Structures are given as structure tokens and as C-alpha cells.
Amino acid sequence: MGLLIVIMIIPILITIVILDKCTKNNTSWQIMLIGVEITILGVAVIAMGGGGFDATSDVFYFNLTGFVIMLIGFTASIYGFKK
């Protein structure tokens, strides 16, 4: 359970730091659209893995990667909404 929390916290913090440094001149709409695109990319990666959780094959890694990408997209969307 602790590993899952670490897997969730690290990408969120990295995303906030990168967005804070690189999006000074972008509007909130632009940042939210980037977040939506990244979220769709995460869903596509999960779909390539088949969507099921099977820890013995590459499906698990596709789902984990897609989940992290979706977290980054959600974080970018929330950051754009707050800006």
C-alpha cells in the first residue's frame, strides 16, 4: 500500500514543479487542454495493456504506466483550473 502512495505522490509533485516553472506565459485553458490530452494518452496506454491487472505479465506495467500518465494529466488539469 505504501508503494502505491509513493507511485502516486512522486509524479504529482514532479508535475506541479514542471508546470510551475514552464507555464508562466500560458493561459489556464491551455494548461487544462494539455492536461486533458495527457489524460487521454494515459487511457490509451491502459487500453493497450488490456485494462486488467495481471502482475505476472507486461499488462501490469502498461496499466501502471497508464495510471501514472493519467495522474500527471489530472494534476495538469487541476493546476490549470486553479491558475
PDB file of N, CA and C in Angstrom:
ATOM      1  N   MET A   1       0.818  -1.194   0.000  1.00  0.00           N
ATOM      2  CA  MET A   1       0.000   0.000   0.000  1.00  0.00           C
ATOM      3  C   MET A   1       0.863   1.259   0.000  1.00  0.00           C
ATOM      4  N   GLY A   2       1.964   1.206   0.747  1.00  0.00           N
ATOM      5  CA  GLY A   2       2.854   2.358   0.799  1.00  0.00           C
ATOM      6  C   GLY A   2       3.502   2.647  -0.540  1.00  0.00           C
ATOM      7  N   LEU A   3       3.800   1.576  -1.300  1.00  0.00           N
ATOM      8  CA  LEU A   3       4.411   1.752  -2.617  1.00  0.00           C
ATOM      9  C   LEU A   3       3.455   2.458  -3.566  1.00  0.00           C
ATOM     10  N   LEU A   4       2.175   2.123  -3.469  1.00  0.00           N
ATOM     11  CA  LEU A   4       1.182   2.770  -4.327  1.00  0.00           C
ATOM     12  C   LEU A   4       1.071   4.259  -4.018  1.00  0.00           C
ATOM     13  N   ILE A   5       1.148   4.611  -2.759  1.00  0.00           N
ATOM     14  CA  ILE A   5       1.101   6.026  -2.381  1.00  0.00           C
ATOM     15  C   ILE A   5       2.320   6.763  -2.916  1.00  0.00           C
ATOM     16  N   VAL A   6       3.487   6.135  -2.842  1.00  0.00           N
ATOM     17  CA  VAL A   6       4.706   6.748  -3.387  1.00  0.00           C
ATOM     18  C   VAL A   6       4.593   6.897  -4.892  1.00  0.00           C
ATOM     19  N   ILE A   7       4.041   5.869  -5.561  1.00  0.00           N
ATOM     20  CA  ILE A   7       3.867   5.933  -7.016  1.00  0.00           C
ATOM     21  C   ILE A   7       2.898   7.053  -7.383  1.00  0.00           C
ATOM     22  N   MET A   8       1.962   7.387  -6.519  1.00  0.00           N
ATOM     23  CA  MET A   8       1.022   8.468  -6.796  1.00  0.00           C
ATOM     24  C   MET A   8       1.596   9.841  -6.457  1.00  0.00           C
ATOM     25  N   ILE A   9       2.340   9.954  -5.372  1.00  0.00           N
ATOM     26  CA  ILE A   9       2.820  11.260  -4.899  1.00  0.00           C
ATOM     27  C   ILE A   9       3.948  11.810  -5.769  1.00  0.00           C
ATOM     28  N   ILE A  10       4.902  10.970  -6.141  1.00  0.00           N
ATOM     29  CA  ILE A  10       6.079  11.444  -6.884  1.00  0.00           C
ATOM     30  C   ILE A  10       5.701  12.076  -8.224  1.00  0.00           C
ATOM     31  N   PRO A  11       4.886  11.427  -9.089  1.00  0.00           N
ATOM     32  CA  PRO A  11       4.528  12.101 -10.354  1.00  0.00           C
ATOM     33  C   PRO A  11       3.743  13.392 -10.152  1.00  0.00           C
ATOM     34  N   ILE A  12       2.905  13.433  -9.130  1.00  0.00           N
ATOM     35  CA  ILE A  12       2.130  14.651  -8.874  1.00  0.00           C
ATOM     36  C   ILE A  12       3.054  15.805  -8.508  1.00  0.00           C
ATOM     37  N   LEU A  13       4.005  15.550  -7.626  1.00  0.00           N
ATOM     38  CA  LEU A  13       4.939  16.610  -7.229  1.00  0.00           C
ATOM     39  C   LEU A  13       5.821  17.057  -8.389  1.00  0.00           C
ATOM     40  N   ILE A  14       6.311  16.100  -9.168  1.00  0.00           N
ATOM     41  CA  ILE A  14       7.143  16.445 -10.328  1.00  0.00           C
ATOM     42  C   ILE A  14       6.337  17.270 -11.325  1.00  0.00           C
ATOM     43  N   THR A  15       5.075  16.887 -11.551  1.00  0.00           N
ATOM     44  CA  THR A  15       4.225  17.628 -12.483  1.00  0.00           C
ATOM     45  C   THR A  15       3.993  19.055 -12.008  1.00  0.00           C
ATOM     46  N   ILE A  16       3.727  19.235 -10.733  1.00  0.00           N
ATOM     47  CA  ILE A  16       3.497  20.585 -10.206  1.00  0.00           C
ATOM     48  C   ILE A  16       4.742  21.449 -10.360  1.00  0.00           C
ATOM     49  N   VAL A  17       5.907  20.884 -10.080  1.00  0.00           N
ATOM     50  CA  VAL A  17       7.154  21.651 -10.212  1.00  0.00           C
ATOM     51  C   VAL A  17       7.395  22.037 -11.665  1.00  0.00           C
ATOM     52  N   ILE A  18       7.214  21.087 -12.590  1.00  0.00           N
ATOM     53  CA  ILE A  18       7.442  21.372 -14.012  1.00  0.00           C
ATOM     54  C   ILE A  18       6.434  22.406 -14.518  1.00  0.00           C
ATOM     55  N   LEU A  19       5.161  22.257 -14.161  1.00  0.00           N
ATOM     56  CA  LEU A  19       4.159  23.224 -14.607  1.00  0.00           C
ATOM     57  C   LEU A  19       4.417  24.606 -14.035  1.00  0.00           C
ATOM     58  N   ASP A  20       4.867  24.661 -12.807  1.00  0.00           N
ATOM     59  CA  ASP A  20       5.154  25.952 -12.186  1.00  0.00           C
ATOM     60  C   ASP A  20       6.303  26.664 -12.891  1.00  0.00           C
ATOM     61  N   LYS A  21       7.298  25.911 -13.333  1.00  0.00           N
ATOM     62  CA  LYS A  21       8.466  26.511 -13.993  1.00  0.00           C
ATOM     63  C   LYS A  21       8.202  26.857 -15.457  1.00  0.00           C
ATOM     64  N   CYS A  22       7.437  26.019 -16.166  1.00  0.00           N
ATOM     65  CA  CYS A  22       7.368  26.120 -17.628  1.00  0.00           C
ATOM     66  C   CYS A  22       6.099  26.763 -18.176  1.00  0.00           C
ATOM     67  N   THR A  23       5.121  27.050 -17.362  1.00  0.00           N
ATOM     68  CA  THR A  23       3.859  27.561 -17.904  1.00  0.00           C
ATOM     69  C   THR A  23       3.530  28.957 -17.408  1.00  0.00           C
ATOM     70  N   LYS A  24       4.522  29.781 -17.261  1.00  0.00           N
ATOM     71  CA  LYS A  24       4.287  31.150 -16.775  1.00  0.00           C
ATOM     72  C   LYS A  24       3.454  31.969 -17.769  1.00  0.00           C
ATOM     73  N   ASN A  25       3.662  31.755 -19.081  1.00  0.00           N
ATOM     74  CA  ASN A  25       3.002  32.578 -20.097  1.00  0.00           C
ATOM     75  C   ASN A  25       1.759  31.921 -20.688  1.00  0.00           C
ATOM     76  N   ASN A  26       1.398  30.735 -20.222  1.00  0.00           N
ATOM     77  CA  ASN A  26       0.237  30.044 -20.774  1.00  0.00           C
ATOM     78  C   ASN A  26      -1.018  30.407 -19.981  1.00  0.00           C
ATOM     79  N   THR A  27      -2.150  30.399 -20.680  1.00  0.00           N
ATOM     80  CA  THR A  27      -3.421  30.650 -20.005  1.00  0.00           C
ATOM     81  C   THR A  27      -3.889  29.370 -19.322  1.00  0.00           C
ATOM     82  N   SER A  28      -4.891  29.516 -18.471  1.00  0.00           N
ATOM     83  CA  SER A  28      -5.397  28.341 -17.766  1.00  0.00           C
ATOM     84  C   SER A  28      -6.057  27.358 -18.732  1.00  0.00           C
ATOM     85  N   TRP A  29      -6.691  27.872 -19.790  1.00  0.00           N
ATOM     86  CA  TRP A  29      -7.310  26.984 -20.778  1.00  0.00           C
ATOM     87  C   TRP A  29      -6.266  26.128 -21.476  1.00  0.00           C
ATOM     88  N   GLN A  30      -5.144  26.708 -21.826  1.00  0.00           N
ATOM     89  CA  GLN A  30      -4.084  25.947 -22.490  1.00  0.00           C
ATOM     90  C   GLN A  30      -3.549  24.844 -21.585  1.00  0.00           C
ATOM     91  N   ILE A  31      -3.371  25.163 -20.322  1.00  0.00           N
ATOM     92  CA  ILE A  31      -2.857  24.163 -19.385  1.00  0.00           C
ATOM     93  C   ILE A  31      -3.884  23.049 -19.185  1.00  0.00           C
ATOM     94  N   MET A  32      -5.163  23.404 -19.085  1.00  0.00           N
ATOM     95  CA  MET A  32      -6.195  22.378 -18.918  1.00  0.00           C
ATOM     96  C   MET A  32      -6.300  21.492 -20.153  1.00  0.00           C
ATOM     97  N   LEU A  33      -6.150  22.062 -21.350  1.00  0.00           N
ATOM     98  CA  LEU A  33      -6.188  21.247 -22.566  1.00  0.00           C
ATOM     99  C   LEU A  33      -5.007  20.289 -22.627  1.00  0.00           C
ATOM    100  N   ILE A  34      -3.843  20.743 -22.209  1.00  0.00           N
ATOM    101  CA  ILE A  34      -2.684  19.855 -22.138  1.00  0.00           C
ATOM    102  C   ILE A  34      -2.974  18.714 -21.164  1.00  0.00           C
ATOM    103  N   GLY A  35      -3.593  19.034 -20.034  1.00  0.00           N
ATOM    104  CA  GLY A  35      -3.948  18.004 -19.058  1.00  0.00           C
ATOM    105  C   GLY A  35      -4.917  16.982 -19.620  1.00  0.00           C
ATOM    106  N   VAL A  36      -5.912  17.438 -20.387  1.00  0.00           N
ATOM    107  CA  VAL A  36      -6.874  16.518 -20.997  1.00  0.00           C
ATOM    108  C   VAL A  36      -6.175  15.608 -22.001  1.00  0.00           C
ATOM    109  N   GLU A  37      -5.285  16.166 -22.809  1.00  0.00           N
ATOM    110  CA  GLU A  37      -4.563  15.355 -23.791  1.00  0.00           C
ATOM    111  C   GLU A  37      -3.690  14.302 -23.109  1.00  0.00           C
ATOM    112  N   ILE A  38      -3.035  14.678 -22.029  1.00  0.00           N
ATOM    113  CA  ILE A  38      -2.192  13.724 -21.309  1.00  0.00           C
ATOM    114  C   ILE A  38      -3.053  12.637 -20.674  1.00  0.00           C
ATOM    115  N   THR A  39      -4.221  13.003 -20.159  1.00  0.00           N
ATOM    116  CA  THR A  39      -5.123  12.016 -19.572  1.00  0.00           C
ATOM    117  C   THR A  39      -5.587  11.017 -20.621  1.00  0.00           C
ATOM    118  N   ILE A  40      -5.931  11.498 -21.806  1.00  0.00           N
ATOM    119  CA  ILE A  40      -6.346  10.604 -22.895  1.00  0.00           C
ATOM    120  C   ILE A  40      -5.204   9.674 -23.285  1.00  0.00           C
ATOM    121  N   LEU A  41      -3.985  10.176 -23.289  1.00  0.00           N
ATOM    122  CA  LEU A  41      -2.828   9.332 -23.572  1.00  0.00           C
ATOM    123  C   LEU A  41      -2.691   8.230 -22.524  1.00  0.00           C
ATOM    124  N   GLY A  42      -2.901   8.558 -21.258  1.00  0.00           N
ATOM    125  CA  GLY A  42      -2.843   7.547 -20.200  1.00  0.00           C
ATOM    126  C   GLY A  42      -3.901   6.472 -20.377  1.00  0.00           C
ATOM    127  N   VAL A  43      -5.115   6.867 -20.756  1.00  0.00           N
ATOM    128  CA  VAL A  43      -6.181   5.899 -21.006  1.00  0.00           C
ATOM    129  C   VAL A  43      -5.817   4.996 -22.182  1.00  0.00           C
ATOM    130  N   ALA A  44      -5.194   5.565 -23.212  1.00  0.00           N
ATOM    131  CA  ALA A  44      -4.776   4.761 -24.364  1.00  0.00           C
ATOM    132  C   ALA A  44      -3.713   3.741 -23.969  1.00  0.00           C
ATOM    133  N   VAL A  45      -2.794   4.117 -23.103  1.00  0.00           N
ATOM    134  CA  VAL A  45      -1.762   3.174 -22.652  1.00  0.00           C
ATOM    135  C   VAL A  45      -2.403   2.046 -21.849  1.00  0.00           C
ATOM    136  N   ILE A  46      -3.375   2.372 -21.005  1.00  0.00           N
ATOM    137  CA  ILE A  46      -4.078   1.330 -20.253  1.00  0.00           C
ATOM    138  C   ILE A  46      -4.839   0.414 -21.210  1.00  0.00           C
ATOM    139  N   ALA A  47      -5.456   0.982 -22.241  1.00  0.00           N
ATOM    140  CA  ALA A  47      -6.186   0.172 -23.216  1.00  0.00           C
ATOM    141  C   ALA A  47      -5.252  -0.751 -23.990  1.00  0.00           C
ATOM    142  N   MET A  48      -4.035  -0.301 -24.273  1.00  0.00           N
ATOM    143  CA  MET A  48      -3.072  -1.173 -24.954  1.00  0.00           C
ATOM    144  C   MET A  48      -2.710  -2.364 -24.082  1.00  0.00           C
ATOM    145  N   GLY A  49      -2.723  -2.183 -22.778  1.00  0.00           N
ATOM    146  CA  GLY A  49      -2.415  -3.270 -21.864  1.00  0.00           C
ATOM    147  C   GLY A  49      -3.585  -4.210 -21.651  1.00  0.00           C
ATOM    148  N   GLY A  50      -4.743  -3.859 -22.091  1.00  0.00           N
ATOM    149  CA  GLY A  50      -5.907  -4.710 -21.944  1.00  0.00           C
ATOM    150  C   GLY A  50      -6.807  -4.320 -20.791  1.00  0.00           C
ATOM    151  N   GLY A  51      -6.333  -3.483 -19.893  1.00  0.00           N
ATOM    152  CA  GLY A  51      -7.170  -2.985 -18.818  1.00  0.00           C
ATOM    153  C   GLY A  51      -7.233  -3.847 -17.576  1.00  0.00           C
ATOM    154  N   GLY A  52      -6.831  -5.104 -17.650  1.00  0.00           N
ATOM    155  CA  GLY A  52      -6.877  -5.971 -16.474  1.00  0.00           C
ATOM    156  C   GLY A  52      -5.579  -5.917 -15.696  1.00  0.00           C
ATOM    157  N   PHE A  53      -5.643  -6.269 -14.434  1.00  0.00           N
ATOM    158  CA  PHE A  53      -4.446  -6.277 -13.599  1.00  0.00           C
ATOM    159  C   PHE A  53      -3.940  -7.701 -13.459  1.00  0.00           C
ATOM    160  N   ASP A  54      -2.848  -7.988 -14.138  1.00  0.00           N
ATOM    161  CA  ASP A  54      -2.199  -9.295 -14.066  1.00  0.00           C
ATOM    162  C   ASP A  54      -0.730  -9.042 -13.763  1.00  0.00           C
ATOM    163  N   ALA A  55      -0.322  -9.339 -12.548  1.00  0.00           N
ATOM    164  CA  ALA A  55       1.028  -8.980 -12.098  1.00  0.00           C
ATOM    165  C   ALA A  55       2.113  -9.851 -12.708  1.00  0.00           C
ATOM    166  N   THR A  56       1.752 -10.872 -13.459  1.00  0.00           N
ATOM    167  CA  THR A  56       2.770 -11.777 -13.990  1.00  0.00           C
ATOM    168  C   THR A  56       3.186 -11.450 -15.410  1.00  0.00           C
ATOM    169  N   SER A  57       2.590 -10.467 -16.021  1.00  0.00           N
ATOM    170  CA  SER A  57       2.928 -10.171 -17.415  1.00  0.00           C
ATOM    171  C   SER A  57       3.149  -8.674 -17.599  1.00  0.00           C
ATOM    172  N   ASP A  58       3.339  -8.296 -18.846  1.00  0.00           N
ATOM    173  CA  ASP A  58       3.564  -6.888 -19.170  1.00  0.00           C
ATOM    174  C   ASP A  58       2.305  -6.041 -19.024  1.00  0.00           C
ATOM    175  N   VAL A  59       1.149  -6.679 -18.889  1.00  0.00           N
ATOM    176  CA  VAL A  59      -0.107  -5.945 -18.727  1.00  0.00           C
ATOM    177  C   VAL A  59      -0.042  -5.057 -17.490  1.00  0.00           C
ATOM    178  N   PHE A  60       0.539  -5.573 -16.428  1.00  0.00           N
ATOM    179  CA  PHE A  60       0.660  -4.802 -15.190  1.00  0.00           C
ATOM    180  C   PHE A  60       1.460  -3.530 -15.422  1.00  0.00           C
ATOM    181  N   TYR A  61       2.543  -3.626 -16.185  1.00  0.00           N
ATOM    182  CA  TYR A  61       3.387  -2.456 -16.428  1.00  0.00           C
ATOM    183  C   TYR A  61       2.693  -1.437 -17.328  1.00  0.00           C
ATOM    184  N   PHE A  62       1.936  -1.914 -18.326  1.00  0.00           N
ATOM    185  CA  PHE A  62       1.152  -0.989 -19.148  1.00  0.00           C
ATOM    186  C   PHE A  62       0.135  -0.243 -18.284  1.00  0.00           C
ATOM    187  N   ASN A  63      -0.547  -0.978 -17.414  1.00  0.00           N
ATOM    188  CA  ASN A  63      -1.562  -0.348 -16.566  1.00  0.00           C
ATOM    189  C   ASN A  63      -0.944   0.622 -15.572  1.00  0.00           C
ATOM    190  N   LEU A  64       0.177   0.248 -14.991  1.00  0.00           N
ATOM    191  CA  LEU A  64       0.844   1.135 -14.037  1.00  0.00           C
ATOM    192  C   LEU A  64       1.338   2.406 -14.726  1.00  0.00           C
ATOM    193  N   THR A  65       1.931   2.256 -15.910  1.00  0.00           N
ATOM    194  CA  THR A  65       2.398   3.412 -16.672  1.00  0.00           C
ATOM    195  C   THR A  65       1.223   4.302 -17.074  1.00  0.00           C
ATOM    196  N   GLY A  66       0.141   3.692 -17.543  1.00  0.00           N
ATOM    197  CA  GLY A  66      -1.048   4.461 -17.904  1.00  0.00           C
ATOM    198  C   GLY A  66      -1.647   5.190 -16.722  1.00  0.00           C
ATOM    199  N   PHE A  67      -1.638   4.532 -15.559  1.00  0.00           N
ATOM    200  CA  PHE A  67      -2.154   5.165 -14.347  1.00  0.00           C
ATOM    201  C   PHE A  67      -1.322   6.382 -13.966  1.00  0.00           C
ATOM    202  N   VAL A  68      -0.003   6.262 -14.049  1.00  0.00           N
ATOM    203  CA  VAL A  68       0.878   7.389 -13.720  1.00  0.00           C
ATOM    204  C   VAL A  68       0.674   8.528 -14.717  1.00  0.00           C
ATOM    205  N   ILE A  69       0.547   8.202 -16.000  1.00  0.00           N
ATOM    206  CA  ILE A  69       0.310   9.235 -17.016  1.00  0.00           C
ATOM    207  C   ILE A  69      -1.034   9.923 -16.769  1.00  0.00           C
ATOM    208  N   MET A  70      -2.055   9.145 -16.386  1.00  0.00           N
ATOM    209  CA  MET A  70      -3.347   9.751 -16.069  1.00  0.00           C
ATOM    210  C   MET A  70      -3.249  10.672 -14.858  1.00  0.00           C
ATOM    211  N   LEU A  71      -2.483  10.283 -13.857  1.00  0.00           N
ATOM    212  CA  LEU A  71      -2.285  11.158 -12.697  1.00  0.00           C
ATOM    213  C   LEU A  71      -1.637  12.473 -13.099  1.00  0.00           C
ATOM    214  N   ILE A  72      -0.660  12.390 -13.991  1.00  0.00           N
ATOM    215  CA  ILE A  72       0.001  13.603 -14.474  1.00  0.00           C
ATOM    216  C   ILE A  72      -1.006  14.485 -15.214  1.00  0.00           C
ATOM    217  N   GLY A  73      -1.853  13.873 -16.044  1.00  0.00           N
ATOM    218  CA  GLY A  73      -2.872  14.633 -16.764  1.00  0.00           C
ATOM    219  C   GLY A  73      -3.887  15.284 -15.843  1.00  0.00           C
ATOM    220  N   PHE A  74      -4.358  14.534 -14.842  1.00  0.00           N
ATOM    221  CA  PHE A  74      -5.294  15.109 -13.876  1.00  0.00           C
ATOM    222  C   PHE A  74      -4.656  16.255 -13.106  1.00  0.00           C
ATOM    223  N   THR A  75      -3.400  16.076 -12.730  1.00  0.00           N
ATOM    224  CA  THR A  75      -2.705  17.134 -11.996  1.00  0.00           C
ATOM    225  C   THR A  75      -2.568  18.388 -12.852  1.00  0.00           C
ATOM    226  N   ALA A  76      -2.243  18.210 -14.136  1.00  0.00           N
ATOM    227  CA  ALA A  76      -2.120  19.362 -15.032  1.00  0.00           C
ATOM    228  C   ALA A  76      -3.467  20.063 -15.205  1.00  0.00           C
ATOM    229  N   SER A  77      -4.542  19.296 -15.307  1.00  0.00           N
ATOM    230  CA  SER A  77      -5.866  19.906 -15.444  1.00  0.00           C
ATOM    231  C   SER A  77      -6.251  20.689 -14.195  1.00  0.00           C
ATOM    232  N   ILE A  78      -6.005  20.119 -13.036  1.00  0.00           N
ATOM    233  CA  ILE A  78      -6.324  20.809 -11.783  1.00  0.00           C
ATOM    234  C   ILE A  78      -5.456  22.052 -11.624  1.00  0.00           C
ATOM    235  N   TYR A  79      -4.183  21.948 -11.999  1.00  0.00           N
ATOM    236  CA  TYR A  79      -3.284  23.103 -11.924  1.00  0.00           C
ATOM    237  C   TYR A  79      -3.786  24.223 -12.834  1.00  0.00           C
ATOM    238  N   GLY A  80      -4.213  23.864 -14.046  1.00  0.00           N
ATOM    239  CA  GLY A  80      -4.749  24.869 -14.963  1.00  0.00           C
ATOM    240  C   GLY A  80      -6.036  25.487 -14.451  1.00  0.00           C
ATOM    241  N   PHE A  81      -6.878  24.697 -13.801  1.00  0.00           N
ATOM    242  CA  PHE A  81      -8.123  25.212 -13.245  1.00  0.00           C
ATOM    243  C   PHE A  81      -7.849  26.178 -12.101  1.00  0.00           C
ATOM    244  N   LYS A  82      -6.853  25.873 -11.285  1.00  0.00           N
ATOM    245  CA  LYS A  82      -6.522  26.728 -10.138  1.00  0.00           C
ATOM    246  C   LYS A  82      -5.810  28.011 -10.563  1.00  0.00           C
ATOM    247  N   LYS A  83      -5.137  27.983 -11.735  1.00  0.00           N
ATOM    248  CA  LYS A  83      -4.336  29.140 -12.156  1.00  0.00           C
ATOM    249  C   LYS A  83      -5.180  30.297 -12.540  1.00  0.00           C
TER     250      LYS A  83
END
